């Protein structure tokens, strides 16, 4: 099979590329390296077809799509805060870029598009766990854009018979996640700060909770999403079905790393939801997928990866 991974040099995208190469699949990577890193692909560089370009350029997407069976669409500006700061740029990539991918996939006769959706579409609802039948209530431009992407996937399935499935990721973490961006996710920031004996910052009181999901679970879900009967634009939560507060996260990481550093607390950020936890029954029913690596095991693997990286850089 021939797979195309958009954003294939990013955190999730490169993890998918590595898994596909290990399976022996043919892989096309489309990435403009605006946030992705070339070093993420170095171990498999000779075994993939790398197309350097943006999903916002339709001719580039069309050229890369030729002969592709499955598209794993990961490319995005994946940050709530960045979308609040710059909604125009994030809309260009997350909405127009996704539409370009769907148009090119339709015209190339692709079998299925697996879309990287987001739990942010649920917004700050009090009901937990968050299940796929709940009405979307996006609180940020990013959340709205991801919902629009989902909606486009469903329309393309219904109107053009392009099979699609939207995977709503919940707070993915693991090796190769960039801790250095201004908009970096919480776990790589906490891990690298604590390893460097520097106190991390918690925005808000730290009692906000998240359903943290280890990267290997997400990779497995994407591969499962390419199997079986048509998905017809269905949206599916990808998570572990448990939640942990940021204070609990910090305490667990401090214990793994062996430090008593306490976090600094700062004002909560606009667009952040208070609590997030997923219902995961649909993933089992539709995809035949269950998370195999739990939160604590994922944290151990992540800390070890960053510890090794830090030691190698010294």
Protein backbone atom coordinates (compact mmCIF):
# COMPACT_ATOMS: atom_id res chain seq x y z
CA UNK A 1 0.00 0.00 0.00
CA UNK A 2 1.05 3.58 -0.66
CA UNK A 3 0.43 6.08 2.13
CA UNK A 4 0.70 9.84 2.13
CA UNK A 5 1.39 11.53 5.47
CA UNK A 6 0.84 15.27 5.47
CA UNK A 7 2.88 16.97 8.16
CA UNK A 8 5.04 13.85 8.15
CA UNK A 9 8.03 15.60 9.73
CA UNK A 10 6.04 16.65 12.78
CA UNK A 11 5.62 14.86 16.09
CA UNK A 12 2.63 12.66 15.23
CA UNK A 13 3.32 12.57 11.51
CA UNK A 14 6.89 11.31 11.87
CA UNK A 15 5.76 8.66 14.34
CA UNK A 16 3.31 7.43 11.71
CA UNK A 17 6.00 7.50 9.01
CA UNK A 18 8.34 5.38 11.13
CA UNK A 19 5.58 2.84 11.81
CA UNK A 20 4.62 2.58 8.13
CA UNK A 21 8.25 2.14 7.05
CA UNK A 22 8.68 -0.63 9.63
CA UNK A 23 5.67 -2.38 8.10
CA UNK A 24 7.18 -2.13 4.65
CA UNK A 25 4.63 0.28 3.19
CA UNK A 26 5.43 2.88 0.54
CA UNK A 27 5.30 6.36 2.10
CA UNK A 28 5.01 9.87 0.67
CA UNK A 29 5.68 12.69 3.15
CA UNK A 30 4.37 16.19 2.42
CA UNK A 31 5.77 18.84 4.75
CA UNK A 32 6.98 22.42 4.45
CA UNK A 33 9.02 22.21 7.69
CA UNK A 34 7.35 25.25 9.19
CA UNK A 35 7.00 23.27 12.43
CA UNK A 36 8.20 19.79 11.46
CA UNK A 37 11.85 18.83 11.80
CA UNK A 38 14.07 17.11 9.26
CA UNK A 39 15.81 15.17 12.00
CA UNK A 40 12.51 13.41 12.78
CA UNK A 41 12.79 11.72 9.38
CA UNK A 42 16.55 11.14 9.24
CA UNK A 43 16.44 7.45 10.25
CA UNK A 44 14.00 6.66 7.41
CA UNK A 45 14.94 9.36 4.90
CA UNK A 46 16.12 6.92 2.24
CA UNK A 47 12.92 4.90 2.48
CA UNK A 48 10.34 7.65 1.98
CA UNK A 49 9.44 9.99 -0.87
CA UNK A 50 9.75 13.46 0.65
CA UNK A 51 7.83 16.28 -1.03
CA UNK A 52 8.72 19.64 0.45
CA UNK A 53 5.74 21.94 0.17
CA UNK A 54 2.60 23.25 1.83
CA UNK A 55 -0.91 21.83 1.92
CA UNK A 56 -2.08 25.37 1.13
CA UNK A 57 -0.73 24.94 -2.43
CA UNK A 58 -3.17 22.74 -4.34
CA UNK A 59 -0.86 21.85 -7.28
CA UNK A 60 1.77 20.62 -4.84
CA UNK A 61 -0.79 18.49 -3.01
CA UNK A 62 -2.12 17.07 -6.29
CA UNK A 63 1.36 16.09 -7.48
CA UNK A 64 2.20 14.39 -4.18
CA UNK A 65 -1.12 12.53 -4.13
CA UNK A 66 -0.60 10.53 -7.33
CA UNK A 67 -0.85 6.78 -6.78
CA UNK A 68 -1.68 7.11 -3.09
CA UNK A 69 -4.07 4.61 -1.47
CA UNK A 70 -4.48 6.16 1.99
CA UNK A 71 -3.91 9.69 3.30
CA UNK A 72 -3.04 10.32 6.95
CA UNK A 73 -3.69 14.05 7.17
CA UNK A 74 -1.70 15.40 10.13
CA UNK A 75 -0.53 18.77 8.80
CA UNK A 76 -1.89 21.69 10.82
CA UNK A 77 -1.02 24.66 12.98
CA UNK A 78 -1.87 22.66 16.07
CA UNK A 79 -2.14 25.23 18.83
CA UNK A 80 -5.09 26.90 20.51
CA UNK A 81 -3.00 29.87 21.60
CA UNK A 82 -1.43 30.37 18.18
CA UNK A 83 -4.91 30.45 16.61
CA UNK A 84 -5.99 33.06 19.17
CA UNK A 85 -2.90 35.15 18.35
CA UNK A 86 -3.15 34.69 14.56
CA UNK A 87 -6.51 33.29 13.39
CA UNK A 88 -5.92 34.16 9.72
CA UNK A 89 -2.79 32.07 9.33
CA UNK A 90 -4.18 29.13 11.26
CA UNK A 91 -7.36 29.23 9.18
CA UNK A 92 -5.34 29.25 5.94
CA UNK A 93 -3.56 26.06 6.94
CA UNK A 94 -6.19 24.22 8.96
CA UNK A 95 -9.21 24.92 6.73
CA UNK A 96 -7.95 25.74 3.25
CA UNK A 97 -5.14 23.19 3.57
CA UNK A 98 -7.54 20.45 4.60
CA UNK A 99 -9.89 21.29 1.73
CA UNK A 100 -6.96 21.04 -0.68
CA UNK A 101 -6.07 17.60 0.68
CA UNK A 102 -9.65 16.38 0.28
CA UNK A 103 -9.99 17.74 -3.26
CA UNK A 104 -6.69 16.18 -4.33
CA UNK A 105 -7.58 12.87 -2.65
CA UNK A 106 -10.98 12.81 -4.36
CA UNK A 107 -9.47 13.47 -7.77
CA UNK A 108 -6.66 10.93 -7.28
CA UNK A 109 -9.04 8.12 -6.33
CA UNK A 110 -7.68 7.68 -2.81
CA UNK A 111 -9.34 4.88 -0.84
CA UNK A 112 -9.59 6.70 2.50
CA UNK A 113 -8.51 9.91 4.21
CA UNK A 114 -7.81 9.72 7.94
CA UNK A 115 -8.09 13.23 9.37
CA UNK A 116 -6.34 14.39 12.53
CA UNK A 117 -9.24 16.03 14.36
CA UNK A 118 -9.16 17.42 17.89
CA UNK A 119 -10.92 17.06 21.23
CA UNK A 120 -10.94 20.87 21.36
CA UNK A 121 -14.17 20.80 19.31
CA UNK A 122 -16.09 19.84 22.47
CA UNK A 123 -15.25 23.08 24.21
CA UNK A 124 -15.70 23.56 27.94
CA UNK A 125 -18.76 21.40 28.52
CA UNK A 126 -19.40 20.14 32.06
CA UNK A 127 -20.49 16.71 30.84
CA UNK A 128 -17.82 14.02 31.14
CA UNK A 129 -16.78 11.85 29.47
CA UNK A 130 -17.00 13.71 26.17
CA UNK A 131 -18.69 11.54 23.59
CA UNK A 132 -19.03 11.92 19.84
CA UNK A 133 -22.78 12.63 19.90
CA UNK A 134 -22.25 15.84 21.87
CA UNK A 135 -22.74 19.08 19.90
CA UNK A 136 -19.46 20.87 19.15
CA UNK A 137 -18.82 24.04 21.18
CA UNK A 138 -15.45 25.36 20.00
CA UNK A 139 -13.88 28.04 22.18
CA UNK A 140 -10.99 29.02 19.92
CA UNK A 141 -10.31 29.55 16.21
CA UNK A 142 -8.25 26.34 16.23
CA UNK A 143 -11.14 24.30 17.65
CA UNK A 144 -13.53 25.81 15.12
CA UNK A 145 -11.13 25.13 12.26
CA UNK A 146 -10.74 21.49 13.28
CA UNK A 147 -14.51 21.11 13.40
CA UNK A 148 -14.78 22.66 9.91
CA UNK A 149 -12.20 20.10 8.74
CA UNK A 150 -14.31 17.29 10.18
CA UNK A 151 -17.38 18.69 8.47
CA UNK A 152 -15.59 18.86 5.14
CA UNK A 153 -14.57 15.21 5.57
CA UNK A 154 -18.19 14.19 6.13
CA UNK A 155 -19.40 16.23 3.15
CA UNK A 156 -16.76 14.68 0.88
CA UNK A 157 -17.81 11.22 2.00
CA UNK A 158 -21.50 11.93 1.40
CA UNK A 159 -21.19 14.01 -1.76
CA UNK A 160 -18.17 12.55 -3.57
CA UNK A 161 -17.92 9.03 -2.07
CA UNK A 162 -14.43 9.79 -0.76
CA UNK A 163 -14.23 7.64 2.35
CA UNK A 164 -13.01 9.59 5.40
CA UNK A 165 -12.70 9.20 9.14
CA UNK A 166 -11.90 11.91 11.71
CA UNK A 167 -9.84 10.94 14.76
CA UNK A 168 -10.38 13.34 17.64
CA UNK A 169 -7.05 13.31 19.45
CA UNK A 170 -6.94 14.02 23.18
CA UNK A 171 -3.63 15.57 24.36
CA UNK A 172 -1.12 13.37 22.56
CA UNK A 173 2.37 13.11 24.06
CA UNK A 174 5.58 11.15 23.62
CA UNK A 175 9.06 11.09 22.05
CA UNK A 176 9.93 13.66 19.38
CA UNK A 177 7.41 16.21 20.67
CA UNK A 178 9.00 19.67 20.47
CA UNK A 179 9.39 21.38 23.86
CA UNK A 180 10.94 24.58 22.53
CA UNK A 181 8.11 26.27 20.67
CA UNK A 182 6.30 29.19 22.24
CA UNK A 183 3.18 27.08 21.73
CA UNK A 184 4.56 23.73 22.89
CA UNK A 185 2.37 21.17 24.67
CA UNK A 186 2.53 20.80 28.42
CA UNK A 187 4.24 17.42 28.83
CA UNK A 188 7.42 18.10 26.82
CA UNK A 189 7.73 21.47 28.55
CA UNK A 190 7.34 19.96 32.02
CA UNK A 191 9.73 17.07 31.28
CA UNK A 192 12.52 19.18 29.81
CA UNK A 193 12.23 21.87 32.47
CA UNK A 194 12.34 19.35 35.32
CA UNK A 195 15.26 17.47 33.76
CA UNK A 196 17.09 20.81 33.60
CA UNK A 197 16.17 21.52 37.25
CA UNK A 198 14.04 24.49 36.21
CA UNK A 199 10.53 24.95 37.58
CA UNK A 200 7.80 24.78 34.92
CA UNK A 201 4.89 27.22 34.69
CA UNK A 202 1.28 26.12 35.21
CA UNK A 203 -1.33 28.41 33.68
CA UNK A 204 -4.29 28.56 36.06
CA UNK A 205 -4.55 26.66 39.34
CA UNK A 206 -3.34 23.34 37.93
CA UNK A 207 -6.62 21.58 38.69
CA UNK A 208 -7.64 21.56 35.03
CA UNK A 209 -7.59 17.97 33.77
CA UNK A 210 -6.74 16.23 30.51
CA UNK A 211 -7.03 12.79 28.94
CA UNK A 212 -3.33 12.37 28.07
CA UNK A 213 -2.76 9.87 25.24
CA UNK A 214 0.62 8.28 24.45
CA UNK A 215 1.78 8.57 20.84
CA UNK A 216 1.96 4.82 20.18
CA UNK A 217 -1.77 4.56 20.88
CA UNK A 218 -2.44 7.28 18.33
CA UNK A 219 -0.27 5.59 15.70
CA UNK A 220 -2.14 2.32 16.21
CA UNK A 221 -5.48 4.12 15.88
CA UNK A 222 -4.47 5.67 12.55
CA UNK A 223 -3.41 2.31 11.16
CA UNK A 224 -6.64 0.69 12.37
CA UNK A 225 -8.61 3.52 10.76
CA UNK A 226 -7.28 2.42 7.36
CA UNK A 227 -8.72 -1.07 7.77
CA UNK A 228 -12.17 -2.54 7.39
CA UNK A 229 -15.46 -1.25 6.02
CA UNK A 230 -16.02 2.34 4.83
CA UNK A 231 -16.10 4.87 7.66
CA UNK A 232 -18.30 7.44 5.89
CA UNK A 233 -16.96 10.51 7.63
CA UNK A 234 -17.48 9.30 11.19
CA UNK A 235 -15.72 11.10 14.05
CA UNK A 236 -14.01 8.95 16.69
CA UNK A 237 -12.37 9.88 20.00
CA UNK A 238 -8.78 8.68 20.40
CA UNK A 239 -7.83 8.70 24.07
CA UNK A 240 -7.47 6.50 27.14
CA UNK A 241 -10.71 7.37 28.92
CA UNK A 242 -9.00 8.71 32.07
CA UNK A 243 -8.08 12.22 33.17
CA UNK A 244 -5.32 13.74 35.25
CA UNK A 245 -4.88 17.28 36.52
CA UNK A 246 -1.81 19.30 35.64
CA UNK A 247 -0.85 19.19 39.31
CA UNK A 248 -1.01 15.39 39.21
CA UNK A 249 1.00 15.40 35.99
CA UNK A 250 3.68 17.54 37.60
CA UNK A 251 3.83 15.34 40.68
CA UNK A 252 4.21 12.16 38.63
CA UNK A 253 6.92 13.64 36.44
CA UNK A 254 8.79 15.03 39.44
CA UNK A 255 8.71 11.55 40.97
CA UNK A 256 10.00 9.90 37.80
CA UNK A 257 12.77 12.46 37.37
CA UNK A 258 13.65 12.63 41.06
CA UNK A 259 13.15 16.30 41.86
CA UNK A 260 11.16 18.27 44.43
CA UNK A 261 10.88 21.40 42.26
CA UNK A 262 7.47 23.03 42.52
CA UNK A 263 5.80 24.77 39.56
CA UNK A 264 5.18 28.48 39.17
CA UNK A 265 1.53 29.46 38.67
CA UNK A 266 0.37 32.10 36.20
CA UNK A 267 -2.92 33.45 34.89
CA UNK A 268 -5.07 30.98 32.93
CA UNK A 269 -4.95 31.31 29.12
CA UNK A 270 -7.80 32.24 26.81
CA UNK A 271 -9.46 29.39 24.93
CA UNK A 272 -8.28 26.62 27.28
CA UNK A 273 -10.94 24.16 28.43
CA UNK A 274 -11.21 23.26 32.11
CA UNK A 275 -11.68 19.49 31.95
CA UNK A 276 -11.34 16.91 29.21
CA UNK A 277 -11.92 13.17 29.24
CA UNK A 278 -13.05 10.94 26.38
CA UNK A 279 -15.60 8.22 25.94
CA UNK A 280 -13.75 5.61 23.88
CA UNK A 281 -16.43 3.03 23.11
CA UNK A 282 -16.92 4.18 19.51
CA UNK A 283 -13.22 3.68 18.76
CA UNK A 284 -13.52 0.07 19.82
CA UNK A 285 -16.74 -0.46 17.85
CA UNK A 286 -15.82 1.39 14.65
CA UNK A 287 -12.05 0.86 14.51
CA UNK A 288 -11.48 -2.21 16.65
CA UNK A 289 -8.98 -0.12 18.63
CA UNK A 290 -8.15 0.14 22.31
CA UNK A 291 -5.29 2.07 23.93
CA UNK A 292 -2.52 -0.34 24.90
CA UNK A 293 -0.09 1.96 26.73
CA UNK A 294 -1.41 3.72 29.82
CA UNK A 295 -0.57 7.18 31.11
CA UNK A 296 2.16 6.20 33.55
CA UNK A 297 3.95 3.84 31.16
CA UNK A 298 3.78 6.53 28.49
CA UNK A 299 5.29 9.08 30.88
CA UNK A 300 8.14 6.71 31.75
CA UNK A 301 8.97 6.15 28.07
CA UNK A 302 8.76 9.88 27.36
CA UNK A 303 11.01 10.88 30.27
CA UNK A 304 13.57 8.27 29.24
CA UNK A 305 13.59 9.55 25.65
CA UNK A 306 14.16 13.16 26.70
CA UNK A 307 16.75 12.10 29.27
CA UNK A 308 18.69 10.27 26.54
CA UNK A 309 18.36 13.25 24.20
CA UNK A 310 19.62 15.62 26.86
CA UNK A 311 22.60 13.38 27.68
CA UNK A 312 23.53 13.12 23.99
CA UNK A 313 23.51 16.91 23.58
CA UNK A 314 26.00 17.49 26.41
